[in-house]
Amino acid sequence: MSELRRIYRKRDLHAVTGLKESRIDELIRNGEFPSPIKLTDGGRASGWLESDLAEWQRGRIAARDSQPKRIRVKQSA
């Protein structure tokens, strides 16, 4: 028996990623965001697997965590 996977449509990506559609398109073109899968042969409908989005998110978190920590110093007025 195969595993059922959740698929997100493009209109749902903003809630998942916090990014606008135009930025997602740009990231896809640059190879920095997962490509969608076609939902039907010959059709226009496409979507993103939740597992692909989760992997992208883990990559973004790892990139953040690999950066040196910045210490903010408050300046008195």
C-alpha atoms as a PDB file:
ATOM      1  CA  MET A   1       0.000   0.000   0.000  1.00  0.00           C
ATOM      2  CA  SER A   2       1.406   3.417  -0.946  1.00  0.00           C
ATOM      3  CA  GLU A   3       1.626   6.397   1.363  1.00  0.00           C
ATOM      4  CA  LEU A   4      -0.793   9.256   0.748  1.00  0.00           C
ATOM      5  CA  ARG A   5       1.009  12.618   0.676  1.00  0.00           C
ATOM      6  CA  ARG A   6      -0.447  16.071   1.129  1.00  0.00           C
ATOM      7  CA  ILE A   7      -0.202  18.386  -1.872  1.00  0.00           C
ATOM      8  CA  TYR A   8      -0.263  22.177  -1.597  1.00  0.00           C
ATOM      9  CA  ARG A   9      -1.543  24.303  -4.438  1.00  0.00           C
ATOM     10  CA  LYS A  10       0.184  27.571  -5.322  1.00  0.00           C
ATOM     11  CA  ARG A  11      -2.507  29.666  -3.660  1.00  0.00           C
ATOM     12  CA  ASP A  12      -1.711  27.881  -0.361  1.00  0.00           C
ATOM     13  CA  LEU A  13       2.050  28.457  -0.444  1.00  0.00           C
ATOM     14  CA  HIS A  14       1.970  31.942   1.076  1.00  0.00           C
ATOM     15  CA  ALA A  15       0.497  30.552   4.303  1.00  0.00           C
ATOM     16  CA  VAL A  16       3.161  27.825   4.387  1.00  0.00           C
ATOM     17  CA  THR A  17       6.220  29.863   3.363  1.00  0.00           C
ATOM     18  CA  GLY A  18       5.383  33.500   4.042  1.00  0.00           C
ATOM     19  CA  LEU A  19       6.478  34.283   0.470  1.00  0.00           C
ATOM     20  CA  LYS A  20       4.488  35.917  -2.339  1.00  0.00           C
ATOM     21  CA  GLU A  21       3.817  33.955  -5.528  1.00  0.00           C
ATOM     22  CA  SER A  22       6.173  36.133  -7.577  1.00  0.00           C
ATOM     23  CA  ARG A  23       9.057  35.445  -5.176  1.00  0.00           C
ATOM     24  CA  ILE A  24       8.312  31.711  -5.211  1.00  0.00           C
ATOM     25  CA  ASP A  25       8.405  31.781  -9.029  1.00  0.00           C
ATOM     26  CA  GLU A  26      11.777  33.526  -8.914  1.00  0.00           C
ATOM     27  CA  LEU A  27      13.179  31.014  -6.422  1.00  0.00           C
ATOM     28  CA  ILE A  28      11.973  28.099  -8.588  1.00  0.00           C
ATOM     29  CA  ARG A  29      13.687  29.603 -11.654  1.00  0.00           C
ATOM     30  CA  ASN A  30      16.906  29.947  -9.612  1.00  0.00           C
ATOM     31  CA  GLY A  31      16.682  26.373  -8.325  1.00  0.00           C
ATOM     32  CA  GLU A  32      16.213  27.598  -4.745  1.00  0.00           C
ATOM     33  CA  PHE A  33      12.681  26.268  -4.199  1.00  0.00           C
ATOM     34  CA  PRO A  34      11.174  22.868  -5.032  1.00  0.00           C
ATOM     35  CA  SER A  35       9.556  22.503  -8.419  1.00  0.00           C
ATOM     36  CA  PRO A  36       5.873  21.594  -8.478  1.00  0.00           C
ATOM     37  CA  ILE A  37       4.537  18.263  -9.677  1.00  0.00           C
ATOM     38  CA  LYS A  38       1.891  17.998 -12.400  1.00  0.00           C
ATOM     39  CA  LEU A  39      -1.376  16.715 -10.966  1.00  0.00           C
ATOM     40  CA  THR A  40      -2.655  15.355 -14.279  1.00  0.00           C
ATOM     41  CA  ASP A  41      -1.054  14.298 -17.540  1.00  0.00           C
ATOM     42  CA  GLY A  42      -1.392  17.119 -20.036  1.00  0.00           C
ATOM     43  CA  GLY A  43      -3.186  19.355 -17.554  1.00  0.00           C
ATOM     44  CA  ARG A  44      -2.219  22.687 -16.097  1.00  0.00           C
ATOM     45  CA  ALA A  45      -2.880  21.848 -12.441  1.00  0.00           C
ATOM     46  CA  SER A  46       0.227  21.496 -10.313  1.00  0.00           C
ATOM     47  CA  GLY A  47       1.127  21.364  -6.656  1.00  0.00           C
ATOM     48  CA  TRP A  48       3.929  20.860  -4.152  1.00  0.00           C
ATOM     49  CA  LEU A  49       4.427  17.839  -1.962  1.00  0.00           C
ATOM     50  CA  GLU A  50       4.409  18.660   1.729  1.00  0.00           C
ATOM     51  CA  SER A  51       7.615  16.634   2.130  1.00  0.00           C
ATOM     52  CA  ASP A  52       9.394  18.806  -0.472  1.00  0.00           C
ATOM     53  CA  LEU A  53       8.242  21.969   1.299  1.00  0.00           C
ATOM     54  CA  ALA A  54       9.351  20.584   4.676  1.00  0.00           C
ATOM     55  CA  GLU A  55      12.793  19.775   3.252  1.00  0.00           C
ATOM     56  CA  TRP A  56      13.096  23.308   1.828  1.00  0.00           C
ATOM     57  CA  GLN A  57      12.065  24.724   5.206  1.00  0.00           C
ATOM     58  CA  ARG A  58      14.673  22.598   7.020  1.00  0.00           C
ATOM     59  CA  GLY A  59      17.279  23.940   4.588  1.00  0.00           C
ATOM     60  CA  ARG A  60      16.300  27.531   5.353  1.00  0.00           C
ATOM     61  CA  ILE A  61      16.514  26.851   9.088  1.00  0.00           C
ATOM     62  CA  ALA A  62      19.929  25.197   8.666  1.00  0.00           C
ATOM     63  CA  ALA A  63      21.156  28.207   6.664  1.00  0.00           C
ATOM     64  CA  ARG A  64      20.004  30.535   9.424  1.00  0.00           C
ATOM     65  CA  ASP A  65      21.577  28.421  12.142  1.00  0.00           C
ATOM     66  CA  SER A  66      24.921  28.218  10.340  1.00  0.00           C
ATOM     67  CA  GLN A  67      25.301  32.007  10.365  1.00  0.00           C
ATOM     68  CA  PRO A  68      27.339  33.604  13.164  1.00  0.00           C
ATOM     69  CA  LYS A  69      25.119  34.939  15.919  1.00  0.00           C
ATOM     70  CA  ARG A  70      24.751  38.706  15.973  1.00  0.00           C
ATOM     71  CA  ILE A  71      24.763  40.479  19.278  1.00  0.00           C
ATOM     72  CA  ARG A  72      22.689  43.619  19.378  1.00  0.00           C
ATOM     73  CA  VAL A  73      23.993  46.357  21.609  1.00  0.00           C
ATOM     74  CA  LYS A  74      21.532  48.969  22.748  1.00  0.00           C
ATOM     75  CA  GLN A  75      22.855  52.464  22.524  1.00  0.00           C
ATOM     76  CA  SER A  76      21.750  54.889  25.172  1.00  0.00           C
ATOM     77  CA  ALA A  77      20.234  58.115  24.011  1.00  0.00           C
END
